[in-house]
């Protein structure tokens, strides 16, 4: 469960200051969309990093998903794609972390409660790939089997009672993480 939480947190972390130069935009795009099923890749909006290491839109999309390229210089590979309806929540997390806010979830939850962040009314998917940088061929835009796919479906404010899903991890089935909060989401096992 800690690994899952850590991977989700990476999704919204700002770029740390280090000397690693970002990959060219085409390579960032190719790697960022890899978590998605093929039919969503071409239309996805892709966020990545310019040469100043600032998060920018590398490719505006026409589809329903937004993908975030890996942070330059990270010791692990992480690419994540989420439904566009989750962008206000994700963007708020990036902004808060950039301002040095320590308890980002509490701050975002307060913004949701105040109505300044609108959560999706329908379920919203998140697809992610995580693993060692040794499993990435940036030039080819591919990853090896060392990189693991992870997916979940955000269902804001869902509970075990409202979904019929347990709110504790299962080894062989879906379960509800962060139940009752704006970022409640159904986690799926990788063998599904």
Protein backbone atom coordinates (compact mmCIF):
# COMPACT_ATOMS: atom_id res chain seq x y z
CA UNK A 1 0.00 0.00 0.00
CA UNK A 2 2.89 2.40 0.72
CA UNK A 3 4.26 1.83 -2.78
CA UNK A 4 0.88 2.64 -4.30
CA UNK A 5 0.55 5.83 -2.22
CA UNK A 6 4.11 6.87 -3.10
CA UNK A 7 3.48 6.32 -6.80
CA UNK A 8 0.28 8.35 -6.71
CA UNK A 9 2.08 11.17 -4.89
CA UNK A 10 4.77 11.28 -7.59
CA UNK A 11 2.04 12.16 -10.05
CA UNK A 12 1.66 15.63 -8.63
CA UNK A 13 5.13 16.47 -7.35
CA UNK A 14 6.83 19.54 -8.86
CA UNK A 15 10.22 19.25 -10.50
CA UNK A 16 13.06 19.12 -8.01
CA UNK A 17 16.11 21.20 -8.74
CA UNK A 18 18.81 19.08 -10.28
CA UNK A 19 20.90 19.21 -13.43
CA UNK A 20 19.20 16.47 -15.45
CA UNK A 21 18.08 17.76 -18.84
CA UNK A 22 14.56 16.74 -19.89
CA UNK A 23 14.14 14.33 -22.78
CA UNK A 24 13.12 15.85 -26.12
CA UNK A 25 9.36 16.49 -26.29
CA UNK A 26 8.70 13.62 -28.73
CA UNK A 27 10.35 11.13 -26.36
CA UNK A 28 8.53 12.51 -23.33
CA UNK A 29 5.22 12.19 -25.19
CA UNK A 30 5.95 8.63 -26.36
CA UNK A 31 6.79 7.51 -22.82
CA UNK A 32 4.03 9.50 -21.08
CA UNK A 33 1.18 7.87 -23.04
CA UNK A 34 2.43 4.28 -22.57
CA UNK A 35 0.18 3.57 -19.55
CA UNK A 36 -2.95 4.17 -21.66
CA UNK A 37 -4.77 1.60 -23.76
CA UNK A 38 -3.88 2.16 -27.43
CA UNK A 39 -7.20 3.77 -28.38
CA UNK A 40 -6.64 6.66 -25.90
CA UNK A 41 -3.00 7.49 -26.70
CA UNK A 42 -3.30 9.66 -29.82
CA UNK A 43 -5.87 12.03 -28.30
CA UNK A 44 -4.30 12.46 -24.86
CA UNK A 45 -3.04 15.82 -23.66
CA UNK A 46 0.57 15.43 -22.54
CA UNK A 47 2.26 17.49 -19.84
CA UNK A 48 6.04 17.38 -19.63
CA UNK A 49 9.11 19.51 -19.10
CA UNK A 50 10.80 22.19 -21.18
CA UNK A 51 14.56 22.84 -21.12
CA UNK A 52 14.11 25.14 -18.11
CA UNK A 53 12.53 22.14 -16.32
CA UNK A 54 9.17 23.92 -16.14
CA UNK A 55 6.03 21.80 -16.48
CA UNK A 56 4.36 22.68 -19.78
CA UNK A 57 1.81 21.25 -22.18
CA UNK A 58 3.89 19.29 -24.69
CA UNK A 59 0.86 18.27 -26.72
CA UNK A 60 -2.70 19.55 -26.44
CA UNK A 61 -5.16 16.71 -26.84
CA UNK A 62 -8.62 16.11 -28.22
CA UNK A 63 -9.37 13.08 -26.04
CA UNK A 64 -10.53 12.46 -22.49
CA UNK A 65 -7.14 11.80 -20.86
CA UNK A 66 -4.17 13.85 -19.61
CA UNK A 67 -0.73 12.24 -19.29
CA UNK A 68 2.17 13.43 -17.19
CA UNK A 69 5.72 12.68 -18.31
CA UNK A 70 8.32 11.54 -15.80
CA UNK A 71 10.29 14.12 -13.83
CA UNK A 72 13.76 14.68 -15.33
CA UNK A 73 16.49 13.18 -13.16
CA UNK A 74 14.22 10.91 -11.12
CA UNK A 75 15.85 7.63 -10.15
CA UNK A 76 12.68 5.71 -11.05
CA UNK A 77 10.43 5.84 -14.07
CA UNK A 78 6.89 7.07 -13.52
CA UNK A 79 4.34 8.01 -16.18
CA UNK A 80 0.70 8.57 -15.32
CA UNK A 81 -2.46 9.35 -17.24
CA UNK A 82 -5.76 10.40 -15.73
CA UNK A 83 -9.21 11.45 -16.91
CA UNK A 84 -9.36 15.16 -17.80
CA UNK A 85 -12.07 15.58 -15.17
CA UNK A 86 -9.39 15.02 -12.50
CA UNK A 87 -7.13 17.84 -13.77
CA UNK A 88 -8.38 20.52 -11.33
CA UNK A 89 -7.56 18.22 -8.39
CA UNK A 90 -4.20 17.15 -9.84
CA UNK A 91 -3.22 20.71 -10.80
CA UNK A 92 -4.07 21.95 -7.29
CA UNK A 93 -1.73 19.31 -5.86
CA UNK A 94 1.10 20.42 -8.12
CA UNK A 95 0.53 24.08 -7.20
CA UNK A 96 0.37 23.40 -3.46
CA UNK A 97 3.55 21.30 -3.52
CA UNK A 98 5.27 24.03 -5.53
CA UNK A 99 4.39 26.47 -2.73
CA UNK A 100 5.89 24.14 -0.14
CA UNK A 101 2.57 23.10 1.44
CA UNK A 102 3.25 20.02 3.58
CA UNK A 103 -0.24 18.51 3.92
CA UNK A 104 -1.43 18.79 0.34
CA UNK A 105 -4.38 16.43 0.78
CA UNK A 106 -5.84 18.46 3.65
CA UNK A 107 -5.46 21.65 1.62
CA UNK A 108 -7.07 20.12 -1.47
CA UNK A 109 -9.89 18.57 0.57
CA UNK A 110 -10.61 22.03 2.04
CA UNK A 111 -10.67 23.49 -1.49
CA UNK A 112 -13.09 20.77 -2.59
CA UNK A 113 -15.32 21.51 0.42
CA UNK A 114 -15.19 25.25 -0.39
CA UNK A 115 -16.15 24.54 -4.00
CA UNK A 116 -12.92 25.88 -5.53
CA UNK A 117 -11.99 22.44 -6.87
CA UNK A 118 -14.74 20.59 -8.70
CA UNK A 119 -14.51 16.83 -8.48
CA UNK A 120 -15.85 14.62 -11.28
CA UNK A 121 -19.40 13.37 -10.95
CA UNK A 122 -18.59 10.21 -12.90
CA UNK A 123 -15.81 7.66 -12.26
CA UNK A 124 -12.41 8.80 -13.56
CA UNK A 125 -9.57 6.44 -14.51
CA UNK A 126 -5.88 6.71 -13.70
CA UNK A 127 -3.30 4.56 -15.51
CA UNK A 128 0.36 4.55 -14.45
CA UNK A 129 3.66 2.83 -15.20
CA UNK A 130 6.33 2.60 -12.51
CA UNK A 131 9.71 0.95 -12.23
CA UNK A 132 13.48 1.29 -12.50
CA UNK A 133 14.98 3.60 -15.13
CA UNK A 134 16.88 0.53 -16.39
CA UNK A 135 13.55 -0.66 -17.80
CA UNK A 136 13.15 2.38 -20.07
CA UNK A 137 14.41 2.85 -23.63
CA UNK A 138 13.79 6.57 -24.04
CA UNK A 139 14.94 6.74 -27.67
CA UNK A 140 12.59 3.93 -28.71
CA UNK A 141 9.78 5.16 -26.43
CA UNK A 142 9.38 1.71 -24.88
CA UNK A 143 9.58 0.02 -21.51
CA UNK A 144 10.46 -3.53 -20.48
CA UNK A 145 8.67 -5.98 -18.24
CA UNK A 146 10.49 -4.46 -15.24
CA UNK A 147 8.08 -1.54 -15.52
CA UNK A 148 4.72 -2.36 -13.92
CA UNK A 149 1.28 -1.12 -14.94
CA UNK A 150 -1.02 0.16 -12.21
CA UNK A 151 -4.56 1.41 -12.61
CA UNK A 152 -7.36 2.78 -10.49
CA UNK A 153 -10.71 4.52 -10.85
CA UNK A 154 -11.43 7.69 -8.85
CA UNK A 155 -14.88 7.73 -7.27
CA UNK A 156 -14.88 10.84 -5.05
CA UNK A 157 -16.43 10.36 -1.60
CA UNK A 158 -17.16 6.65 -2.21
CA UNK A 159 -17.21 4.38 0.82
CA UNK A 160 -17.15 0.66 1.39
CA UNK A 161 -20.90 0.84 2.06
CA UNK A 162 -21.65 2.79 -1.16
CA UNK A 163 -19.52 0.56 -3.40
CA UNK A 164 -19.58 -2.87 -1.78
CA UNK A 165 -15.78 -2.87 -1.91
CA UNK A 166 -13.49 -3.38 1.08
CA UNK A 167 -11.53 -0.34 2.22
CA UNK A 168 -8.44 -2.44 2.95
CA UNK A 169 -6.07 -3.89 0.31
CA UNK A 170 -6.87 -7.25 -1.24
CA UNK A 171 -4.22 -9.37 -2.91
CA UNK A 172 -6.56 -10.73 -5.57
CA UNK A 173 -9.32 -8.19 -6.06
CA UNK A 174 -10.36 -4.57 -6.22
CA UNK A 175 -10.52 -2.45 -3.07
CA UNK A 176 -11.30 1.15 -2.14
CA UNK A 177 -8.43 3.43 -1.13
CA UNK A 178 -8.94 6.76 0.69
CA UNK A 179 -12.61 5.90 1.25
CA UNK A 180 -14.94 8.80 2.03
CA UNK A 181 -12.52 11.47 0.78
CA UNK A 182 -12.45 13.51 -2.44
CA UNK A 183 -9.67 11.23 -3.71
CA UNK A 184 -11.41 7.92 -2.97
CA UNK A 185 -10.45 5.47 -5.70
CA UNK A 186 -10.83 1.82 -6.56
CA UNK A 187 -7.50 0.01 -6.78
CA UNK A 188 -7.14 -3.03 -9.01
CA UNK A 189 -4.70 -5.90 -8.72
CA UNK A 190 -2.09 -6.17 -11.44
CA UNK A 191 -3.18 -9.69 -12.34
CA UNK A 192 -6.60 -8.52 -13.52
